[in-house]
N, C-alpha and C. Protein backbone atom coordinates (compact mmCIF):
# COMPACT_ATOMS: atom_id res chain seq x y z
N MET A 1 0.85 -1.19 0.01
CA MET A 1 -0.01 -0.02 0.00
C MET A 1 0.90 1.23 0.00
N SER A 2 0.60 2.18 -0.87
CA SER A 2 1.40 3.38 -0.92
C SER A 2 1.09 4.30 0.24
N ARG A 3 1.97 5.20 0.51
CA ARG A 3 1.80 6.12 1.66
C ARG A 3 0.54 6.96 1.47
N ASP A 4 0.27 7.42 0.27
CA ASP A 4 -0.94 8.23 0.02
C ASP A 4 -2.21 7.48 0.36
N ARG A 5 -2.29 6.23 -0.05
CA ARG A 5 -3.49 5.40 0.21
C ARG A 5 -3.64 5.17 1.70
N SER A 6 -2.50 4.92 2.36
CA SER A 6 -2.53 4.65 3.80
C SER A 6 -2.97 5.89 4.57
N ASP A 7 -2.44 7.07 4.18
CA ASP A 7 -2.83 8.29 4.82
C ASP A 7 -4.31 8.60 4.65
N ASN A 8 -4.81 8.36 3.42
CA ASN A 8 -6.21 8.61 3.12
C ASN A 8 -7.08 7.68 3.93
N ALA A 9 -6.70 6.40 4.02
CA ALA A 9 -7.52 5.42 4.77
C ALA A 9 -7.54 5.81 6.25
N THR A 10 -6.43 6.27 6.79
CA THR A 10 -6.38 6.71 8.17
C THR A 10 -7.28 7.94 8.40
N LEU A 11 -7.20 8.89 7.49
CA LEU A 11 -8.07 10.07 7.59
C LEU A 11 -9.54 9.73 7.54
N VAL A 12 -9.93 8.81 6.64
CA VAL A 12 -11.31 8.39 6.54
C VAL A 12 -11.75 7.70 7.86
N ARG A 13 -10.91 6.83 8.42
CA ARG A 13 -11.25 6.19 9.68
C ARG A 13 -11.42 7.21 10.83
N VAL A 14 -10.53 8.16 10.88
CA VAL A 14 -10.57 9.13 11.97
C VAL A 14 -11.82 10.06 11.83
N MET A 15 -12.11 10.50 10.60
CA MET A 15 -13.21 11.41 10.40
C MET A 15 -14.57 10.71 10.27
N GLY A 16 -14.54 9.41 10.01
CA GLY A 16 -15.79 8.67 10.03
C GLY A 16 -16.38 8.35 8.68
N ASN A 17 -16.00 9.06 7.65
CA ASN A 17 -16.51 8.78 6.30
C ASN A 17 -15.64 9.47 5.27
N GLU A 18 -15.87 9.13 3.99
CA GLU A 18 -15.03 9.65 2.91
C GLU A 18 -15.37 11.08 2.53
N VAL A 19 -16.57 11.55 2.91
CA VAL A 19 -17.00 12.89 2.52
C VAL A 19 -16.45 13.99 3.45
N SER A 20 -16.24 13.66 4.70
CA SER A 20 -15.81 14.67 5.70
C SER A 20 -14.54 15.39 5.31
N PRO A 21 -13.50 14.70 4.81
CA PRO A 21 -12.28 15.46 4.48
C PRO A 21 -12.49 16.48 3.37
N VAL A 22 -13.59 16.36 2.63
CA VAL A 22 -13.87 17.29 1.57
C VAL A 22 -14.74 18.41 2.08
N THR A 23 -15.74 18.09 2.88
CA THR A 23 -16.78 19.07 3.25
C THR A 23 -16.54 19.77 4.57
N GLU A 24 -15.72 19.25 5.46
CA GLU A 24 -15.43 19.92 6.70
C GLU A 24 -14.72 21.24 6.44
N SER A 25 -14.83 22.19 7.37
CA SER A 25 -14.15 23.45 7.20
C SER A 25 -12.70 23.24 6.83
N PHE A 26 -12.24 23.95 5.84
CA PHE A 26 -10.89 23.94 5.35
C PHE A 26 -10.51 22.58 4.74
N GLY A 27 -11.50 21.81 4.33
CA GLY A 27 -11.23 20.56 3.60
C GLY A 27 -10.88 20.86 2.16
N ALA A 28 -11.05 19.90 1.30
CA ALA A 28 -10.69 20.08 -0.11
C ALA A 28 -11.44 21.21 -0.76
N ALA A 29 -12.65 21.54 -0.27
CA ALA A 29 -13.42 22.61 -0.86
C ALA A 29 -12.85 23.98 -0.48
N ARG A 30 -12.02 24.04 0.50
CA ARG A 30 -11.35 25.27 0.99
C ARG A 30 -12.34 26.38 1.31
N MET A 31 -13.42 25.97 2.03
CA MET A 31 -14.44 26.96 2.48
C MET A 31 -14.84 26.59 3.89
N LEU A 32 -15.49 27.52 4.57
CA LEU A 32 -16.11 27.25 5.85
C LEU A 32 -17.31 26.37 5.64
N GLU A 33 -17.74 25.65 6.72
CA GLU A 33 -18.89 24.78 6.60
C GLU A 33 -20.20 25.54 6.62
N GLU A 34 -21.21 24.91 6.11
CA GLU A 34 -22.61 25.42 6.21
C GLU A 34 -23.13 25.19 7.60
N PRO A 35 -24.26 25.84 7.96
CA PRO A 35 -24.84 25.59 9.30
C PRO A 35 -25.41 24.19 9.32
N HIS A 36 -25.45 23.60 10.49
CA HIS A 36 -26.00 22.27 10.69
C HIS A 36 -27.26 22.35 11.51
N PHE A 37 -28.26 21.53 11.19
CA PHE A 37 -29.53 21.52 11.88
C PHE A 37 -29.86 20.12 12.28
N THR A 38 -30.72 20.00 13.24
CA THR A 38 -31.24 18.71 13.71
C THR A 38 -32.69 18.82 14.03
N ARG A 39 -33.30 17.80 14.53
CA ARG A 39 -34.68 17.82 14.95
C ARG A 39 -34.73 18.34 16.39
N PRO A 40 -35.79 18.95 16.79
CA PRO A 40 -37.08 19.19 16.10
C PRO A 40 -36.95 20.29 15.06
N ALA A 41 -38.00 20.54 14.33
CA ALA A 41 -38.00 21.51 13.23
C ALA A 41 -37.80 22.93 13.76
N GLU A 42 -38.04 23.17 15.04
CA GLU A 42 -37.79 24.42 15.67
C GLU A 42 -37.15 24.18 17.03
N PHE A 43 -36.10 24.90 17.33
CA PHE A 43 -35.41 24.73 18.61
C PHE A 43 -35.02 26.10 19.13
N ARG A 44 -35.51 26.41 20.33
CA ARG A 44 -35.21 27.70 20.99
C ARG A 44 -35.51 28.88 20.04
N GLY A 45 -36.58 28.77 19.26
CA GLY A 45 -37.01 29.82 18.39
C GLY A 45 -36.31 29.88 17.04
N TRP A 46 -35.39 28.96 16.81
CA TRP A 46 -34.66 28.90 15.55
C TRP A 46 -35.22 27.78 14.70
N ALA A 47 -35.87 28.13 13.58
CA ALA A 47 -36.52 27.12 12.75
C ALA A 47 -35.55 26.54 11.70
N VAL A 48 -35.66 25.27 11.45
CA VAL A 48 -34.91 24.65 10.38
C VAL A 48 -35.46 25.15 9.08
N PRO A 49 -34.60 25.61 8.17
CA PRO A 49 -35.07 26.11 6.89
C PRO A 49 -35.92 25.06 6.14
N GLU A 50 -36.95 25.53 5.47
CA GLU A 50 -37.86 24.62 4.76
C GLU A 50 -37.16 23.78 3.73
N VAL A 51 -36.14 24.34 3.08
CA VAL A 51 -35.41 23.59 2.06
C VAL A 51 -34.84 22.29 2.64
N LEU A 52 -34.48 22.29 3.90
CA LEU A 52 -33.87 21.10 4.53
C LEU A 52 -34.95 20.07 4.91
N ARG A 53 -36.19 20.49 4.94
CA ARG A 53 -37.28 19.55 5.33
C ARG A 53 -38.11 19.06 4.14
N ASN A 54 -37.79 19.48 2.95
CA ASN A 54 -38.68 19.18 1.81
C ASN A 54 -38.29 17.86 1.09
N GLY A 55 -37.14 17.28 1.36
CA GLY A 55 -36.77 16.03 0.77
C GLY A 55 -36.12 16.12 -0.62
N ASP A 56 -35.93 17.31 -1.14
CA ASP A 56 -35.27 17.48 -2.44
C ASP A 56 -33.78 17.54 -2.22
N HIS A 57 -33.15 16.39 -2.35
CA HIS A 57 -31.73 16.28 -1.99
C HIS A 57 -30.80 17.13 -2.87
N ALA A 58 -31.13 17.29 -4.12
CA ALA A 58 -30.31 18.15 -5.00
C ALA A 58 -30.40 19.59 -4.53
N LYS A 59 -31.60 20.04 -4.18
CA LYS A 59 -31.78 21.41 -3.72
C LYS A 59 -31.07 21.59 -2.36
N ILE A 60 -31.13 20.59 -1.51
CA ILE A 60 -30.46 20.65 -0.19
C ILE A 60 -28.98 20.81 -0.40
N GLU A 61 -28.43 20.05 -1.31
CA GLU A 61 -26.99 20.15 -1.57
C GLU A 61 -26.62 21.51 -2.10
N ARG A 62 -27.44 22.12 -2.98
CA ARG A 62 -27.17 23.47 -3.48
C ARG A 62 -27.28 24.51 -2.33
N TRP A 63 -28.25 24.31 -1.44
CA TRP A 63 -28.40 25.19 -0.28
C TRP A 63 -27.18 25.11 0.62
N ARG A 64 -26.72 23.90 0.89
CA ARG A 64 -25.56 23.71 1.75
C ARG A 64 -24.33 24.41 1.14
N ARG A 65 -24.14 24.26 -0.15
CA ARG A 65 -23.01 24.91 -0.84
C ARG A 65 -23.13 26.43 -0.76
N ALA A 66 -24.35 26.94 -0.97
CA ALA A 66 -24.56 28.38 -0.88
C ALA A 66 -24.26 28.92 0.54
N GLN A 67 -24.71 28.19 1.57
CA GLN A 67 -24.47 28.63 2.90
C GLN A 67 -22.96 28.61 3.24
N ALA A 68 -22.24 27.60 2.76
CA ALA A 68 -20.82 27.57 2.96
C ALA A 68 -20.16 28.75 2.24
N LEU A 69 -20.61 29.07 1.06
CA LEU A 69 -20.10 30.23 0.34
C LEU A 69 -20.38 31.49 1.10
N HIS A 70 -21.62 31.71 1.53
CA HIS A 70 -21.96 32.92 2.33
C HIS A 70 -21.03 33.10 3.51
N ARG A 71 -20.85 32.06 4.27
CA ARG A 71 -20.02 32.13 5.46
C ARG A 71 -18.56 32.41 5.12
N THR A 72 -18.08 31.80 4.07
CA THR A 72 -16.67 32.01 3.67
C THR A 72 -16.48 33.41 3.16
N VAL A 73 -17.38 33.89 2.31
CA VAL A 73 -17.28 35.24 1.81
C VAL A 73 -17.27 36.26 2.95
N ARG A 74 -18.11 36.04 3.92
CA ARG A 74 -18.28 36.99 5.02
C ARG A 74 -17.09 36.93 6.02
N ALA A 75 -16.72 35.68 6.38
CA ALA A 75 -15.72 35.57 7.46
C ALA A 75 -14.26 35.43 6.93
N ARG A 76 -14.10 34.84 5.75
CA ARG A 76 -12.78 34.55 5.26
C ARG A 76 -12.71 34.81 3.74
N PRO A 77 -12.88 36.07 3.33
CA PRO A 77 -12.83 36.38 1.92
C PRO A 77 -11.50 35.98 1.25
N ASP A 78 -10.45 35.93 2.06
CA ASP A 78 -9.12 35.54 1.55
C ASP A 78 -9.16 34.11 0.96
N LEU A 79 -10.00 33.21 1.55
CA LEU A 79 -10.08 31.86 1.01
C LEU A 79 -10.72 31.85 -0.35
N ILE A 80 -11.73 32.75 -0.54
CA ILE A 80 -12.39 32.88 -1.85
C ILE A 80 -11.38 33.44 -2.86
N GLU A 81 -10.62 34.43 -2.45
CA GLU A 81 -9.64 35.04 -3.35
C GLU A 81 -8.61 34.01 -3.80
N ARG A 82 -8.13 33.17 -2.87
CA ARG A 82 -7.14 32.15 -3.19
C ARG A 82 -7.68 31.13 -4.17
N ARG A 83 -8.99 30.95 -4.22
CA ARG A 83 -9.62 30.04 -5.18
C ARG A 83 -9.85 30.67 -6.54
N GLY A 84 -9.48 31.96 -6.61
CA GLY A 84 -9.68 32.68 -7.90
C GLY A 84 -11.02 33.40 -7.95
N GLY A 85 -11.65 33.63 -6.80
CA GLY A 85 -12.92 34.33 -6.78
C GLY A 85 -14.09 33.39 -6.90
N LEU A 86 -15.28 33.98 -7.04
CA LEU A 86 -16.49 33.18 -7.18
C LEU A 86 -16.79 32.88 -8.65
N SER A 87 -17.21 31.67 -8.92
CA SER A 87 -17.61 31.31 -10.28
C SER A 87 -19.00 31.86 -10.54
N ASN A 88 -19.46 31.85 -11.78
CA ASN A 88 -20.81 32.28 -12.12
C ASN A 88 -21.83 31.39 -11.42
N VAL A 89 -21.56 30.10 -11.36
CA VAL A 89 -22.47 29.18 -10.70
C VAL A 89 -22.58 29.54 -9.20
N GLU A 90 -21.48 29.81 -8.57
CA GLU A 90 -21.47 30.19 -7.18
C GLU A 90 -22.24 31.52 -6.94
N LYS A 91 -22.05 32.47 -7.83
CA LYS A 91 -22.77 33.73 -7.68
C LYS A 91 -24.29 33.48 -7.78
N THR A 92 -24.66 32.59 -8.68
CA THR A 92 -26.10 32.26 -8.83
C THR A 92 -26.63 31.60 -7.56
N LEU A 93 -25.85 30.70 -6.97
CA LEU A 93 -26.27 30.06 -5.69
C LEU A 93 -26.45 31.08 -4.60
N LEU A 94 -25.58 32.05 -4.51
CA LEU A 94 -25.67 33.12 -3.48
C LEU A 94 -26.97 33.92 -3.67
N GLU A 95 -27.36 34.13 -4.91
CA GLU A 95 -28.61 34.85 -5.19
C GLU A 95 -29.84 33.97 -4.93
N GLU A 96 -29.73 32.70 -5.24
CA GLU A 96 -30.87 31.78 -5.08
C GLU A 96 -31.17 31.50 -3.59
N PHE A 97 -30.17 31.40 -2.78
CA PHE A 97 -30.34 31.06 -1.37
C PHE A 97 -29.75 32.16 -0.49
N PRO A 98 -30.59 32.89 0.21
CA PRO A 98 -30.04 33.95 1.10
C PRO A 98 -29.30 33.31 2.30
N CYS A 99 -28.39 34.09 2.88
CA CYS A 99 -27.63 33.60 4.01
C CYS A 99 -28.53 33.38 5.20
N VAL A 100 -28.33 32.24 5.87
CA VAL A 100 -29.06 31.94 7.10
C VAL A 100 -28.15 32.31 8.25
N PRO A 101 -28.46 33.42 8.95
CA PRO A 101 -27.57 33.86 10.04
C PRO A 101 -27.74 32.98 11.29
N TYR A 102 -26.70 32.94 12.08
CA TYR A 102 -26.81 32.28 13.37
C TYR A 102 -27.68 33.12 14.29
N PRO A 103 -28.49 32.49 15.16
CA PRO A 103 -29.28 33.29 16.10
C PRO A 103 -28.38 34.05 17.06
N LYS A 104 -28.83 35.21 17.43
CA LYS A 104 -28.07 36.02 18.40
C LYS A 104 -27.90 35.24 19.67
N GLY A 105 -26.70 35.37 20.26
CA GLY A 105 -26.37 34.72 21.50
C GLY A 105 -25.76 33.34 21.36
N LEU A 106 -25.73 32.78 20.10
CA LEU A 106 -25.11 31.48 19.93
C LEU A 106 -23.65 31.55 19.59
N LEU A 107 -23.19 32.70 19.09
CA LEU A 107 -21.77 32.83 18.76
C LEU A 107 -21.13 33.90 19.57
């Protein structure tokens, strides 16, 4: 087994799955993560966005990408600049899905 394969296998075991090294903050996507939600649909006055409850997995994935972009643009614009800026597809995502802010008092 080559060193690269061994390192990748170790990373996957530590993180729990093959997607995490790509989607976690500062992973291969080089962006901050999107917000995460759980049940119930409303918790302490913070409602889970409808897009996450409708079952349209393609739309959910676009929403997640848009939220990661919003957070990265706002908090770490340098990461976007290093990637060469926003693509036209990314700009469209930002327009399609508004930023979901964190509730006051959580950060």
